[in-house]
C-alpha atoms as a PDB file:
ATOM      1  CA  MET A   1      -0.680  -2.331 -19.535  1.00  0.00           C
ATOM      2  CA  GLU A   2      -2.467  -3.647 -22.552  1.00  0.00           C
ATOM      3  CA  ASN A   3      -2.229  -1.751 -25.827  1.00  0.00           C
ATOM      4  CA  GLY A   4      -0.924   1.268 -23.903  1.00  0.00           C
ATOM      5  CA  VAL A   5      -3.903   1.294 -21.516  1.00  0.00           C
ATOM      6  CA  PRO A   6      -3.739   0.299 -17.831  1.00  0.00           C
ATOM      7  CA  ASN A   7      -5.543  -2.987 -17.207  1.00  0.00           C
ATOM      8  CA  TRP A   8      -6.464  -2.760 -13.530  1.00  0.00           C
ATOM      9  CA  GLY A   9      -7.853  -6.290 -13.592  1.00  0.00           C
ATOM     10  CA  GLN A  10      -4.444  -7.793 -14.387  1.00  0.00           C
ATOM     11  CA  ALA A  11      -1.610  -7.229 -11.913  1.00  0.00           C
ATOM     12  CA  SER A  12       1.976  -7.549 -13.094  1.00  0.00           C
ATOM     13  CA  THR A  13       4.170 -10.003 -11.215  1.00  0.00           C
ATOM     14  CA  ASP A  14       6.208  -7.106  -9.755  1.00  0.00           C
ATOM     15  CA  SER A  15       3.174  -5.128  -8.564  1.00  0.00           C
ATOM     16  CA  TYR A  16       2.125  -5.284  -4.943  1.00  0.00           C
ATOM     17  CA  ILE A  17      -0.991  -7.225  -5.967  1.00  0.00           C
ATOM     18  CA  GLY A  18       1.078  -9.701  -7.938  1.00  0.00           C
ATOM     19  CA  LYS A  19       3.464 -10.169  -5.024  1.00  0.00           C
ATOM     20  CA  ALA A  20       0.648 -10.435  -2.474  1.00  0.00           C
ATOM     21  CA  GLY A  21      -0.753 -13.507  -4.136  1.00  0.00           C
ATOM     22  CA  SER A  22      -3.895 -15.157  -2.819  1.00  0.00           C
ATOM     23  CA  ASN A  23      -2.759 -15.492   0.806  1.00  0.00           C
ATOM     24  CA  SER A  24      -2.347 -11.794   1.621  1.00  0.00           C
ATOM     25  CA  MET A  25      -4.561  -8.812   2.322  1.00  0.00           C
ATOM     26  CA  TYR A  26      -3.932  -5.712   0.274  1.00  0.00           C
ATOM     27  CA  PHE A  27      -5.632  -2.420  -0.467  1.00  0.00           C
ATOM     28  CA  ASP A  28      -6.338  -1.528  -4.078  1.00  0.00           C
ATOM     29  CA  LEU A  29      -8.794   0.869  -5.685  1.00  0.00           C
ATOM     30  CA  GLY A  30      -7.585   0.102  -9.200  1.00  0.00           C
ATOM     31  CA  GLY A  31      -9.064   2.371 -11.826  1.00  0.00           C
ATOM     32  CA  SER A  32     -11.621   3.777  -9.376  1.00  0.00           C
ATOM     33  CA  ARG A  33      -9.084   5.854  -7.442  1.00  0.00           C
ATOM     34  CA  ASP A  34      -9.335   8.978  -9.594  1.00  0.00           C
ATOM     35  CA  ASN A  35     -13.133   8.760  -9.787  1.00  0.00           C
ATOM     36  CA  ILE A  36     -13.429   8.471  -6.003  1.00  0.00           C
ATOM     37  CA  GLN A  37     -10.977  11.294  -5.358  1.00  0.00           C
ATOM     38  CA  THR A  38     -12.620  13.595  -7.886  1.00  0.00           C
ATOM     39  CA  GLY A  39     -16.201  12.624  -7.059  1.00  0.00           C
ATOM     40  CA  TYR A  40     -15.768  13.293  -3.348  1.00  0.00           C
ATOM     41  CA  LYS A  41     -13.339  16.188  -3.854  1.00  0.00           C
ATOM     42  CA  LEU A  42     -10.709  14.583  -1.644  1.00  0.00           C
ATOM     43  CA  THR A  43      -7.087  15.581  -1.349  1.00  0.00           C
ATOM     44  CA  GLY A  44      -4.345  12.955  -1.437  1.00  0.00           C
ATOM     45  CA  ASP A  45      -3.995  13.282   2.348  1.00  0.00           C
ATOM     46  CA  GLU A  46      -7.729  12.743   2.809  1.00  0.00           C
ATOM     47  CA  MET A  47      -7.656   9.687   0.564  1.00  0.00           C
ATOM     48  CA  PHE A  48      -4.869   8.259   2.716  1.00  0.00           C
ATOM     49  CA  ARG A  49      -6.632   9.111   5.980  1.00  0.00           C
ATOM     50  CA  TYR A  50     -10.054   7.793   4.959  1.00  0.00           C
ATOM     51  CA  LEU A  51      -8.974   4.696   3.035  1.00  0.00           C
ATOM     52  CA  ASN A  52      -5.430   3.547   3.812  1.00  0.00           C
ATOM     53  CA  VAL A  53      -5.401   4.276   7.546  1.00  0.00           C
ATOM     54  CA  PRO A  54      -8.444   2.128   8.398  1.00  0.00           C
ATOM     55  CA  ALA A  55      -6.979  -0.770   6.386  1.00  0.00           C
ATOM     56  CA  LEU A  56      -3.670  -0.445   8.254  1.00  0.00           C
ATOM     57  CA  ASP A  57      -5.393  -0.162  11.628  1.00  0.00           C
ATOM     58  CA  ASP A  58      -7.445  -3.275  10.905  1.00  0.00           C
ATOM     59  CA  ALA A  59      -4.376  -5.254   9.846  1.00  0.00           C
ATOM     60  CA  VAL A  60      -2.419  -4.310  12.973  1.00  0.00           C
ATOM     61  CA  LYS A  61      -5.334  -4.854  15.359  1.00  0.00           C
ATOM     62  CA  SER A  62      -6.013  -8.234  13.751  1.00  0.00           C
ATOM     63  CA  GLY A  63      -2.419  -9.279  14.400  1.00  0.00           C
ATOM     64  CA  LYS A  64      -1.557  -9.585  10.728  1.00  0.00           C
ATOM     65  CA  GLN A  65       2.035  -9.514   9.599  1.00  0.00           C
ATOM     66  CA  ILE A  66       2.736  -6.267   7.769  1.00  0.00           C
ATOM     67  CA  ARG A  67       4.816  -6.687   4.655  1.00  0.00           C
ATOM     68  CA  PHE A  68       5.491  -4.524   1.665  1.00  0.00           C
ATOM     69  CA  SER A  69       6.082  -5.568  -1.926  1.00  0.00           C
ATOM     70  CA  HIS A  70       8.576  -2.730  -2.357  1.00  0.00           C
ATOM     71  CA  ASN A  71      10.964  -1.066   0.071  1.00  0.00           C
ATOM     72  CA  PRO A  72       9.114   2.007   1.414  1.00  0.00           C
ATOM     73  CA  GLU A  73      12.389   3.563   2.557  1.00  0.00           C
ATOM     74  CA  LEU A  74      13.819   3.953  -0.947  1.00  0.00           C
ATOM     75  CA  PRO A  75      14.129   7.558  -2.156  1.00  0.00           C
ATOM     76  CA  ALA A  76      11.951   6.697  -5.178  1.00  0.00           C
ATOM     77  CA  TYR A  77       8.974   6.226  -2.820  1.00  0.00           C
ATOM     78  CA  ARG A  78       9.648   9.272  -0.608  1.00  0.00           C
ATOM     79  CA  ASN A  79       6.406  11.068  -1.548  1.00  0.00           C
ATOM     80  CA  SER A  80       4.208   8.020  -2.008  1.00  0.00           C
ATOM     81  CA  TYR A  81       1.398   6.273  -0.176  1.00  0.00           C
ATOM     82  CA  LEU A  82       3.842   3.412   0.344  1.00  0.00           C
ATOM     83  CA  ALA A  83       6.136   5.670   2.384  1.00  0.00           C
ATOM     84  CA  ASP A  84       3.110   7.229   4.099  1.00  0.00           C
ATOM     85  CA  GLU A  85       1.953   3.768   5.197  1.00  0.00           C
ATOM     86  CA  TRP A  86       5.370   2.895   6.625  1.00  0.00           C
ATOM     87  CA  ASN A  87       5.612   6.243   8.433  1.00  0.00           C
ATOM     88  CA  TYR A  88       2.095   5.800   9.836  1.00  0.00           C
ATOM     89  CA  LEU A  89       2.943   2.336  11.164  1.00  0.00           C
ATOM     90  CA  LYS A  90       6.102   3.671  12.824  1.00  0.00           C
ATOM     91  CA  GLU A  91       4.371   6.678  14.385  1.00  0.00           C
ATOM     92  CA  LYS A  92       1.120   5.025  15.476  1.00  0.00           C
ATOM     93  CA  TYR A  93       2.217   1.496  16.343  1.00  0.00           C
ATOM     94  CA  GLY A  94       5.935   1.789  17.049  1.00  0.00           C
ATOM     95  CA  TYR A  95       7.270  -0.293  14.171  1.00  0.00           C
ATOM     96  CA  LYS A  96      10.984   0.360  13.885  1.00  0.00           C
ATOM     97  CA  TYR A  97      12.509  -1.784  11.171  1.00  0.00           C
ATOM     98  CA  ILE A  98      11.809  -2.882   7.639  1.00  0.00           C
ATOM     99  CA  ILE A  99      13.571  -6.156   6.858  1.00  0.00           C
ATOM    100  CA  GLU A 100      13.905  -7.616   3.355  1.00  0.00           C
ATOM    101  CA  GLU A 101      13.412 -11.328   2.938  1.00  0.00           C
ATOM    102  CA  ASP A 102      12.853 -13.112  -0.369  1.00  0.00           C
ATOM    103  CA  GLY A 103      11.826  -9.947  -2.207  1.00  0.00           C
ATOM    104  CA  MET A 104       9.360  -8.741   0.440  1.00  0.00           C
ATOM    105  CA  TRP A 105       9.911  -6.111   3.146  1.00  0.00           C
ATOM    106  CA  TYR A 106       8.596  -6.967   6.608  1.00  0.00           C
ATOM    107  CA  ALA A 107       7.660  -4.356   9.197  1.00  0.00           C
ATOM    108  CA  GLU A 108       8.890  -5.058  12.697  1.00  0.00           C
END
């Protein structure tokens, strides 16, 4: 936030982009999310299916380690894309555990 306005070009150190650093893949629409959703008249579920799912599929099929910047099992994230991503990985690819290590949560 800068002057009370989101600055999508600057990630905070606690954000998933800040935690990902330069050696990780992450999915971010920044300030375009609302424009895309409104412009294409997509529901939240459609946004997840059309955008998040292909990114997750690509990461798994490419053998990339799946890690989260925040614990997707916390109640605070229950109705979030973060939780949706973790549930998708469990259902589609059989991930079973989320293990915290050094402030990151690893899917196994």
